[in-house]
Protein backbone atom coordinates (compact mmCIF):
# COMPACT_ATOMS: atom_id res chain seq x y z
CA MET A 1 100.83 39.20 155.07
CA SER A 2 99.86 42.49 156.52
CA LEU A 3 97.28 43.74 159.09
CA ARG A 4 95.37 47.01 159.27
CA LEU A 5 95.60 47.81 162.98
CA PHE A 6 94.23 50.26 165.49
CA ALA A 7 94.08 50.53 169.29
CA ALA A 8 90.67 51.08 170.83
CA ILE A 9 88.56 51.05 173.91
CA ALA A 10 85.55 48.71 173.57
CA LEU A 11 82.19 50.08 174.78
CA PRO A 12 80.25 48.17 177.38
CA ASP A 13 76.82 47.00 176.22
CA HIS A 14 74.86 49.55 178.34
CA VAL A 15 76.72 52.45 176.72
CA ALA A 16 76.62 50.98 173.18
CA GLU A 17 72.83 50.49 173.56
CA CYS A 18 72.55 54.07 174.55
CA LEU A 19 74.32 55.15 171.31
CA LEU A 20 72.22 52.96 169.21
CA THR A 21 69.12 54.77 170.25
CA LEU A 22 70.56 57.95 168.85
CA MET A 23 71.06 56.64 165.42
CA LYS A 24 68.19 58.33 163.40
CA GLY A 25 67.15 61.54 161.77
CA VAL A 26 70.00 61.87 159.20
CA PRO A 27 69.19 60.64 155.76
CA GLY A 28 72.34 59.56 153.97
CA ALA A 29 73.84 58.16 157.28
CA LYS A 30 75.21 54.76 157.26
CA TRP A 31 74.92 53.90 160.95
CA ARG A 32 77.59 51.72 162.55
CA PRO A 33 76.49 48.28 163.82
CA ARG A 34 77.03 47.58 167.61
CA GLU A 35 80.04 45.46 166.98
CA ASN A 36 81.79 48.50 165.30
CA LEU A 37 81.31 50.89 168.10
CA HIS A 38 84.65 51.80 169.89
CA LEU A 39 86.78 54.70 170.89
CA THR A 40 89.95 54.82 168.86
CA LEU A 41 93.13 55.61 170.64
CA ARG A 42 95.46 55.37 167.69
CA PHE A 43 95.05 54.17 164.08
CA PHE A 44 98.23 52.45 162.96
CA GLY A 45 97.48 51.58 159.34
CA GLU A 46 98.62 48.55 157.40
CA LEU A 47 101.54 46.83 159.07
CA THR A 48 103.45 43.64 158.27
CA GLU A 49 103.16 40.89 160.84
CA PRO A 50 106.83 41.47 162.20
CA VAL A 51 106.06 45.25 162.80
CA ALA A 52 102.67 44.31 164.23
CA GLU A 53 104.41 41.99 166.75
CA ASP A 54 106.91 44.71 167.62
CA LEU A 55 104.07 47.17 168.04
CA ASP A 56 102.27 44.77 170.37
CA SER A 57 105.34 44.71 172.56
CA ALA A 58 105.79 48.34 172.36
CA ILE A 59 102.23 49.05 173.43
CA GLU A 60 102.61 46.59 176.36
CA GLU A 61 105.60 48.49 177.58
CA ALA A 62 104.18 51.96 177.00
CA VAL A 63 100.94 51.44 178.93
CA ARG A 64 102.73 49.76 181.93
CA GLY A 65 101.89 51.89 184.97
CA HIS A 66 98.60 53.16 183.47
CA GLY A 67 95.71 52.30 185.74
CA PRO A 68 91.91 51.94 185.22
CA PHE A 69 89.84 55.05 184.87
CA GLU A 70 86.13 56.19 184.35
CA LEU A 71 85.06 57.56 181.09
CA GLN A 72 81.87 59.29 179.88
CA LEU A 73 80.83 59.87 176.40
CA LYS A 74 79.00 63.15 175.78
CA SER A 75 77.92 65.58 172.96
CA ALA A 76 77.87 65.03 169.29
CA GLY A 77 79.66 66.33 166.24
CA SER A 78 80.68 65.68 162.69
CA PHE A 79 83.93 65.54 160.70
CA GLY A 80 84.12 67.31 157.25
CA GLY A 81 82.86 70.81 157.88
CA ALA A 82 80.47 72.08 155.24
CA ASP A 83 80.77 68.62 153.44
CA PRO A 84 80.28 66.32 156.44
CA HIS A 85 81.52 62.64 156.12
CA ALA A 86 80.94 61.21 159.67
CA LEU A 87 79.04 61.64 162.82
CA TRP A 88 80.45 61.07 166.22
CA ILE A 89 79.76 61.04 169.86
CA GLY A 90 82.59 62.67 171.92
CA ALA A 91 84.20 61.95 175.25
CA ALA A 92 84.23 64.13 178.24
CA GLU A 93 87.55 65.78 179.12
CA ASN A 94 89.75 63.13 180.64
CA GLU A 95 93.43 63.26 181.36
CA GLU A 96 93.90 59.44 181.72
CA LEU A 97 92.36 59.00 178.31
CA LYS A 98 94.76 61.58 176.80
CA ASN A 99 97.68 59.84 178.48
CA LEU A 100 96.65 56.41 177.21
CA ALA A 101 96.34 57.75 173.62
CA ALA A 102 99.83 59.35 174.08
CA ALA A 103 101.15 56.03 175.25
CA CYS A 104 99.89 54.35 172.03
CA GLU A 105 101.48 57.26 169.98
CA LYS A 106 104.73 56.59 171.77
CA ALA A 107 104.50 52.87 170.97
CA ALA A 108 103.86 53.76 167.30
CA ARG A 109 106.97 55.97 167.20
CA ARG A 110 109.00 53.30 168.86
CA VAL A 111 108.33 50.99 165.95
CA LYS A 112 109.18 53.83 163.47
CA LEU A 113 105.52 54.63 162.35
CA LYS A 114 104.89 58.16 161.22
CA PRO A 115 103.48 60.49 163.83
CA GLU A 116 99.70 60.81 163.98
CA PRO A 117 99.14 64.08 161.84
CA HIS A 118 95.88 65.04 163.82
CA LYS A 119 95.38 66.10 167.36
CA PHE A 120 93.70 63.31 169.48
CA THR A 121 89.92 64.03 169.36
CA PRO A 122 88.40 61.27 171.52
CA HIS A 123 85.14 60.12 169.87
CA VAL A 124 83.06 57.16 168.75
CA THR A 125 82.09 57.19 165.08
CA ILE A 126 78.46 56.34 164.89
CA ALA A 127 77.78 56.94 161.15
CA TYR A 128 79.50 57.62 157.83
CA LEU A 129 77.73 59.95 155.61
CA SER A 130 76.94 59.82 151.95
CA GLY A 131 75.02 62.91 150.61
CA ALA A 132 73.61 63.95 153.97
CA SER A 133 72.38 67.52 153.98
CA LEU A 134 74.37 69.90 156.15
CA ASP A 135 71.11 71.18 157.76
CA ARG A 136 70.20 67.72 158.99
CA VAL A 137 73.75 67.13 160.29
CA GLN A 138 73.68 70.38 162.17
CA ALA A 139 70.18 69.50 163.56
CA PHE A 140 71.60 66.20 164.86
CA GLU A 141 74.53 67.88 166.50
CA SER A 142 72.21 70.46 168.01
CA ARG A 143 69.83 67.80 169.33
CA LEU A 144 72.67 65.94 171.05
CA GLY A 145 74.73 68.82 172.12
CA LEU A 146 73.85 68.05 175.78
CA PHE A 147 73.78 64.30 175.50
CA GLU A 148 75.59 62.30 178.22
CA ALA A 149 76.05 58.57 178.30
CA PRO A 150 76.41 56.89 181.75
CA PRO A 151 80.06 56.74 182.81
CA PHE A 152 81.84 53.48 182.64
CA ASP A 153 85.00 51.98 183.81
CA VAL A 154 87.94 51.36 181.45
CA SER A 155 90.18 48.59 182.73
CA SER A 156 91.67 47.49 179.45
CA PHE A 157 91.81 48.33 175.74
CA GLY A 158 92.64 46.29 172.63
CA LEU A 159 94.66 46.07 169.49
CA TYR A 160 92.33 45.35 166.61
CA SER A 161 92.60 44.34 163.01
CA SER A 162 90.27 45.66 160.47
CA VAL A 163 89.10 44.23 157.15
CA THR A 164 87.29 46.74 154.92
CA ARG A 165 84.39 45.45 152.85
CA LYS A 166 82.82 47.36 149.80
CA SER A 167 79.15 46.82 150.57
CA ALA A 168 79.16 46.08 154.31
CA PRO A 169 80.66 47.49 157.53
CA SER A 170 84.27 46.68 158.26
CA LEU A 171 85.11 43.57 160.32
CA TYR A 172 87.04 44.03 163.35
CA ARG A 173 88.98 41.36 165.29
CA LEU A 174 90.65 41.71 168.64
CA GLU A 175 94.41 40.86 168.19
CA ALA A 176 95.65 41.71 171.62
CA GLU A 177 94.22 42.98 174.93
CA TYR A 178 96.04 45.27 177.34
CA PRO A 179 94.84 45.40 181.04
CA LEU A 180 95.35 48.71 182.85
CA LEU A 181 96.80 47.55 186.15
CA GLY A 182 98.22 50.72 187.43
């Protein structure tokens, strides 16, 4: 059996509620439900259970010494350029967040996974797009360019499994949690 895994920071309710109020004004957007809102640190992909167990140990070791930190979500953007396929809310510049993502990358490399091909761009995906017009996407980005959610404390993150479904949002399950103790 295999698991589709990713490491992510869960959002506290008050921040998620803030994001839910932004989800409007873009026809063709499939807005993410509350339970799917998170900030991904590293997507690992489909892994066998033995590799997943090794990854769990590698993450534990890689994040040892990382302490809690404050994080703030701000601004908005899209992926896909002239043919946008996703809307996101970004994160304020944060060295601790970058270091945590780098630790997850280090753990992935330790269990012989391929390097992440993209530069870490901290964000929360809030919608996937299907046929959304570029001008509506750009208007959404412009409207939320100065958006700032209340800051929140990050004292842990999790390793999640994901089950994709054709006509419904993916199901995520917390497989392991890693406290940031410093």
